[in-house]
């Protein structure tokens, strides 16, 4: 199976969620199922069915996180020499050549991507156009609004 790149922070966030699901959510749902069973007839017991559905969701999420962690290639950007090039994990400040607007993005794995938090998936068109470039370079990327040109203003590791 192919390894999926992930930042150190993204892996830590997944591990924390996994620990929470296993140590807090799983025991709580087991308790809720036990209490619902005590109410009698399981065919007409809405609490029991809701608890079983929640248990199914929690177990599925645990399996999903474990699979993501086992297939992750965790990249610690602080251990990579800073050569001024855009790489996975770097924070890049871009200037839109048409509007002059500046924006900063961190290039992260697919699971960590959050445009509102300025985290861009390495598979996004803008990120793919940036990787390997340096400060001062101009990139062109296809966006939903059409072709957009940016200048790379700053690269931080």
Protein backbone atom coordinates (compact mmCIF):
# COMPACT_ATOMS: atom_id res chain seq x y z
CA UNK A 1 0.00 0.00 0.00
CA UNK A 2 1.23 3.49 -0.82
CA UNK A 3 2.31 5.69 2.07
CA UNK A 4 0.35 8.91 2.50
CA UNK A 5 2.30 12.01 3.59
CA UNK A 6 1.20 13.66 6.82
CA UNK A 7 2.69 16.40 8.97
CA UNK A 8 3.78 15.71 12.53
CA UNK A 9 0.92 17.89 13.83
CA UNK A 10 -1.65 16.05 11.71
CA UNK A 11 -0.45 12.66 12.98
CA UNK A 12 -0.56 13.92 16.57
CA UNK A 13 -4.13 15.17 16.10
CA UNK A 14 -5.23 11.77 14.75
CA UNK A 15 -3.51 9.93 17.62
CA UNK A 16 -5.25 12.18 20.16
CA UNK A 17 -8.63 11.56 18.53
CA UNK A 18 -7.97 7.81 18.53
CA UNK A 19 -7.03 7.84 22.22
CA UNK A 20 -10.18 9.83 23.05
CA UNK A 21 -12.41 7.43 21.10
CA UNK A 22 -10.88 4.37 22.78
CA UNK A 23 -10.67 5.68 26.33
CA UNK A 24 -13.76 7.93 26.60
CA UNK A 25 -16.28 7.36 23.81
CA UNK A 26 -16.09 3.55 23.60
CA UNK A 27 -16.65 2.95 27.37
CA UNK A 28 -19.45 5.55 27.43
CA UNK A 29 -21.33 3.89 24.58
CA UNK A 30 -20.91 0.44 26.15
CA UNK A 31 -22.47 1.85 29.32
CA UNK A 32 -25.32 3.43 27.32
CA UNK A 33 -26.05 0.10 25.58
CA UNK A 34 -26.12 -1.70 28.94
CA UNK A 35 -28.57 0.85 30.35
CA UNK A 36 -30.77 0.64 27.26
CA UNK A 37 -30.83 -3.17 27.47
CA UNK A 38 -32.07 -2.92 31.05
CA UNK A 39 -35.20 -1.11 29.81
CA UNK A 40 -36.56 -4.32 28.32
CA UNK A 41 -37.89 -5.13 24.84
CA UNK A 42 -35.07 -4.39 22.37
CA UNK A 43 -37.32 -4.32 19.28
CA UNK A 44 -39.08 -1.13 20.38
CA UNK A 45 -36.23 0.39 22.36
CA UNK A 46 -35.13 3.59 20.56
CA UNK A 47 -32.35 4.27 23.08
CA UNK A 48 -30.82 0.86 22.38
CA UNK A 49 -30.94 1.32 18.60
CA UNK A 50 -29.46 4.83 18.83
CA UNK A 51 -26.65 3.58 21.10
CA UNK A 52 -25.87 0.66 18.76
CA UNK A 53 -25.77 3.05 15.80
CA UNK A 54 -23.39 5.37 17.66
CA UNK A 55 -21.23 2.37 18.61
CA UNK A 56 -21.03 1.37 14.95
CA UNK A 57 -19.95 4.91 14.01
CA UNK A 58 -17.28 5.02 16.76
CA UNK A 59 -15.85 1.60 15.83
CA UNK A 60 -15.76 2.59 12.14
CA UNK A 61 -13.95 5.84 12.97
CA UNK A 62 -11.42 3.94 15.13
CA UNK A 63 -10.67 1.58 12.23
CA UNK A 64 -10.40 4.50 9.80
CA UNK A 65 -7.93 6.39 12.02
CA UNK A 66 -5.84 3.28 12.68
CA UNK A 67 -5.62 2.64 8.91
CA UNK A 68 -4.61 6.26 8.24
CA UNK A 69 -1.90 6.16 10.90
CA UNK A 70 -0.54 2.82 9.70
CA UNK A 71 -0.33 4.11 6.09
CA UNK A 72 1.06 7.53 7.01
CA UNK A 73 4.50 8.76 6.11
CA UNK A 74 4.98 11.31 8.88
CA UNK A 75 7.14 14.20 7.73
CA UNK A 76 8.76 16.46 10.32
CA UNK A 77 9.47 19.68 8.44
CA UNK A 78 11.89 20.87 11.16
CA UNK A 79 14.30 18.06 10.29
CA UNK A 80 14.47 18.94 6.59
CA UNK A 81 17.21 21.37 5.56
CA UNK A 82 15.83 24.76 4.53
CA UNK A 83 16.87 25.34 0.95
CA UNK A 84 14.23 27.96 0.18
CA UNK A 85 12.19 25.62 -2.02
CA UNK A 86 8.51 24.88 -1.52
CA UNK A 87 8.11 21.39 -0.06
CA UNK A 88 5.49 19.41 1.86
CA UNK A 89 4.80 21.09 5.20
CA UNK A 90 6.14 24.52 4.19
CA UNK A 91 4.12 27.69 4.77
CA UNK A 92 4.06 29.68 1.53
CA UNK A 93 2.97 33.31 1.12
CA UNK A 94 1.58 34.04 -2.34
CA UNK A 95 0.68 37.27 -4.06
CA UNK A 96 -2.07 37.19 -6.68
CA UNK A 97 -0.58 38.93 -9.73
CA UNK A 98 -3.98 40.20 -10.90
CA UNK A 99 -5.45 41.54 -7.66
CA UNK A 100 -2.29 42.05 -5.56
CA UNK A 101 -3.97 40.13 -2.74
CA UNK A 102 -1.61 38.06 -0.54
CA UNK A 103 -2.42 34.79 1.16
CA UNK A 104 -0.42 32.17 3.09
CA UNK A 105 -0.97 28.41 2.92
CA UNK A 106 0.67 25.44 4.58
CA UNK A 107 1.01 22.40 2.32
CA UNK A 108 -0.31 19.38 4.21
CA UNK A 109 -1.73 15.88 3.66
CA UNK A 110 -5.24 15.24 2.33
CA UNK A 111 -6.68 14.48 5.78
CA UNK A 112 -5.30 17.69 7.27
CA UNK A 113 -6.46 20.03 4.51
CA UNK A 114 -8.69 22.84 5.73
CA UNK A 115 -8.97 25.91 3.51
CA UNK A 116 -10.41 28.03 6.35
CA UNK A 117 -7.31 27.24 8.46
CA UNK A 118 -5.10 28.01 5.41
CA UNK A 119 -3.99 24.37 5.10
CA UNK A 120 -3.85 23.21 1.51
CA UNK A 121 -3.66 19.57 0.38
CA UNK A 122 -0.49 18.67 -1.49
CA UNK A 123 -2.83 17.37 -4.23
CA UNK A 124 -4.54 20.76 -4.73
CA UNK A 125 -3.72 22.44 -8.05
CA UNK A 126 -2.11 25.47 -6.39
CA UNK A 127 0.03 23.27 -4.12
CA UNK A 128 1.15 21.08 -7.03
CA UNK A 129 2.15 24.22 -8.94
CA UNK A 130 4.16 25.52 -5.95
CA UNK A 131 6.13 22.41 -4.99
CA UNK A 132 9.76 22.69 -6.03
CA UNK A 133 9.59 26.43 -6.70
CA UNK A 134 11.45 29.15 -4.75
CA UNK A 135 10.77 32.67 -3.50
CA UNK A 136 10.30 35.08 -6.41
CA UNK A 137 9.06 32.38 -8.79
CA UNK A 138 5.75 32.82 -10.59
CA UNK A 139 3.24 29.97 -10.71
CA UNK A 140 0.03 29.44 -12.61
CA UNK A 141 -2.80 27.27 -11.31
CA UNK A 142 -6.24 26.29 -12.53
CA UNK A 143 -8.83 27.23 -9.88
CA UNK A 144 -12.64 27.18 -9.91
CA UNK A 145 -12.45 30.88 -10.86
CA UNK A 146 -10.17 30.07 -13.80
CA UNK A 147 -6.44 30.35 -14.44
CA UNK A 148 -4.72 32.38 -11.69
CA UNK A 149 -1.10 33.51 -11.51
CA UNK A 150 0.73 33.97 -8.21
CA UNK A 151 4.19 35.08 -7.19
CA UNK A 152 5.81 33.19 -4.31
CA UNK A 153 6.68 35.91 -1.78
CA UNK A 154 7.99 33.82 1.13
CA UNK A 155 8.66 30.19 2.06
CA UNK A 156 8.81 29.27 5.76
CA UNK A 157 9.64 25.88 7.24
